[in-house]
């Protein structure tokens, strides 16, 4: 009689080891899921900085293209092309709108 009880007591930890880890996984699963959802839903400061930097570079690139187009249209306008004058004005308006969204870096004297 003692042998089956002793055998069961000895084998129990081996047989229940998987159950304990499964129970632990089931219990901690909701916490892990919520933590992952929070990570996906929030933006870290570095991600926000990278995104802002990309947007700023995109605006600066657009401003460079507009500057070149403006110079070409202004030159044609000076030569008497009224259509180029209207186009230069439209380009300048877009440039002015972009310039307000690009921060100015201080000069060498800290201006």
Protein backbone atom coordinates (compact mmCIF):
# COMPACT_ATOMS: atom_id res chain seq x y z
CA UNK A 1 0.00 0.00 0.00
CA UNK A 2 2.75 2.38 0.79
CA UNK A 3 4.50 1.77 -2.52
CA UNK A 4 1.78 3.31 -4.78
CA UNK A 5 1.51 6.36 -2.52
CA UNK A 6 5.27 6.76 -2.47
CA UNK A 7 5.40 6.35 -6.26
CA UNK A 8 2.65 8.96 -6.73
CA UNK A 9 4.38 11.42 -4.38
CA UNK A 10 7.67 10.99 -6.21
CA UNK A 11 6.17 11.30 -9.70
CA UNK A 12 3.83 14.22 -8.88
CA UNK A 13 6.43 17.02 -9.22
CA UNK A 14 7.61 15.61 -12.54
CA UNK A 15 4.09 15.28 -13.91
CA UNK A 16 2.81 18.60 -12.57
CA UNK A 17 5.85 20.65 -13.65
CA UNK A 18 4.31 21.31 -17.04
CA UNK A 19 1.00 22.21 -15.46
CA UNK A 20 2.57 24.81 -13.21
CA UNK A 21 4.33 26.52 -16.10
CA UNK A 22 1.12 26.40 -18.16
CA UNK A 23 -0.88 27.91 -15.32
CA UNK A 24 1.76 30.61 -14.90
CA UNK A 25 1.61 31.37 -18.62
CA UNK A 26 -2.18 31.59 -18.56
CA UNK A 27 -2.15 33.85 -15.50
CA UNK A 28 0.47 36.25 -16.91
CA UNK A 29 -0.92 36.29 -20.47
CA UNK A 30 -3.41 39.16 -19.91
CA UNK A 31 -0.68 41.30 -18.37
CA UNK A 32 1.66 40.63 -21.31
CA UNK A 33 -1.11 41.35 -23.82
CA UNK A 34 -2.04 44.65 -22.18
CA UNK A 35 1.63 45.64 -21.94
CA UNK A 36 2.16 44.95 -25.62
CA UNK A 37 -0.98 46.90 -26.55
CA UNK A 38 0.24 49.88 -24.54
CA UNK A 39 3.64 49.69 -26.28
CA UNK A 40 1.94 49.64 -29.68
CA UNK A 41 -0.47 52.44 -28.80
CA UNK A 42 2.09 54.86 -27.39
CA UNK A 43 4.89 56.63 -29.20
CA UNK A 44 8.20 56.91 -27.44
CA UNK A 45 9.97 60.26 -27.33
CA UNK A 46 12.68 59.03 -29.70
CA UNK A 47 10.06 57.84 -32.21
CA UNK A 48 8.30 61.20 -32.00
CA UNK A 49 11.63 63.01 -32.52
CA UNK A 50 12.47 60.84 -35.54
CA UNK A 51 9.04 61.47 -37.04
CA UNK A 52 9.35 65.22 -36.49
CA UNK A 53 12.81 65.19 -38.06
CA UNK A 54 11.57 63.34 -41.14
CA UNK A 55 8.71 65.81 -41.54
CA UNK A 56 11.05 68.77 -41.13
CA UNK A 57 13.47 67.39 -43.76
CA UNK A 58 10.54 66.83 -46.13
CA UNK A 59 9.45 70.47 -45.73
CA UNK A 60 12.99 71.77 -46.20
CA UNK A 61 13.36 69.68 -49.36
CA UNK A 62 10.06 71.03 -50.70
CA UNK A 63 11.18 74.56 -49.88
CA UNK A 64 14.39 74.00 -51.86
CA UNK A 65 12.43 72.84 -54.92
CA UNK A 66 10.10 75.81 -54.63
CA UNK A 67 13.04 78.22 -54.33
CA UNK A 68 14.53 76.95 -57.59
CA UNK A 69 11.14 77.13 -59.35
CA UNK A 70 10.55 80.62 -57.98
CA UNK A 71 13.90 81.87 -59.26
CA UNK A 72 13.16 80.51 -62.74
CA UNK A 73 9.68 82.05 -62.82
CA UNK A 74 10.95 85.38 -61.46
CA UNK A 75 13.57 85.53 -64.20
CA UNK A 76 10.93 84.85 -66.86
CA UNK A 77 8.68 87.45 -65.22
CA UNK A 78 11.42 90.07 -65.47
CA UNK A 79 11.59 89.29 -69.19
CA UNK A 80 7.89 90.18 -69.55
CA UNK A 81 6.10 86.80 -69.18
CA UNK A 82 2.90 87.60 -67.27
CA UNK A 83 2.11 83.91 -66.74
CA UNK A 84 5.48 83.46 -65.09
CA UNK A 85 4.72 86.42 -62.81
CA UNK A 86 1.49 84.81 -61.66
CA UNK A 87 3.28 81.49 -61.15
CA UNK A 88 6.07 83.19 -59.18
CA UNK A 89 3.48 84.78 -56.89
CA UNK A 90 1.78 81.40 -56.30
CA UNK A 91 5.12 79.74 -55.58
CA UNK A 92 6.10 82.54 -53.19
CA UNK A 93 2.85 82.10 -51.25
CA UNK A 94 3.53 78.39 -50.83
CA UNK A 95 7.09 79.16 -49.77
CA UNK A 96 5.87 81.67 -47.16
CA UNK A 97 3.47 79.07 -45.76
CA UNK A 98 6.25 76.48 -45.49
CA UNK A 99 8.70 78.91 -43.90
CA UNK A 100 6.40 79.49 -40.94
CA UNK A 101 6.52 75.78 -40.12
CA UNK A 102 10.31 75.45 -40.28
CA UNK A 103 12.11 76.54 -37.09
CA UNK A 104 14.90 79.06 -37.43
CA UNK A 105 18.25 77.96 -36.01
CA UNK A 106 20.21 80.58 -34.09
CA UNK A 107 23.11 82.21 -35.87
CA UNK A 108 26.76 82.07 -34.77
CA UNK A 109 26.22 84.89 -32.26
CA UNK A 110 23.15 83.16 -30.75
CA UNK A 111 20.68 85.43 -32.55
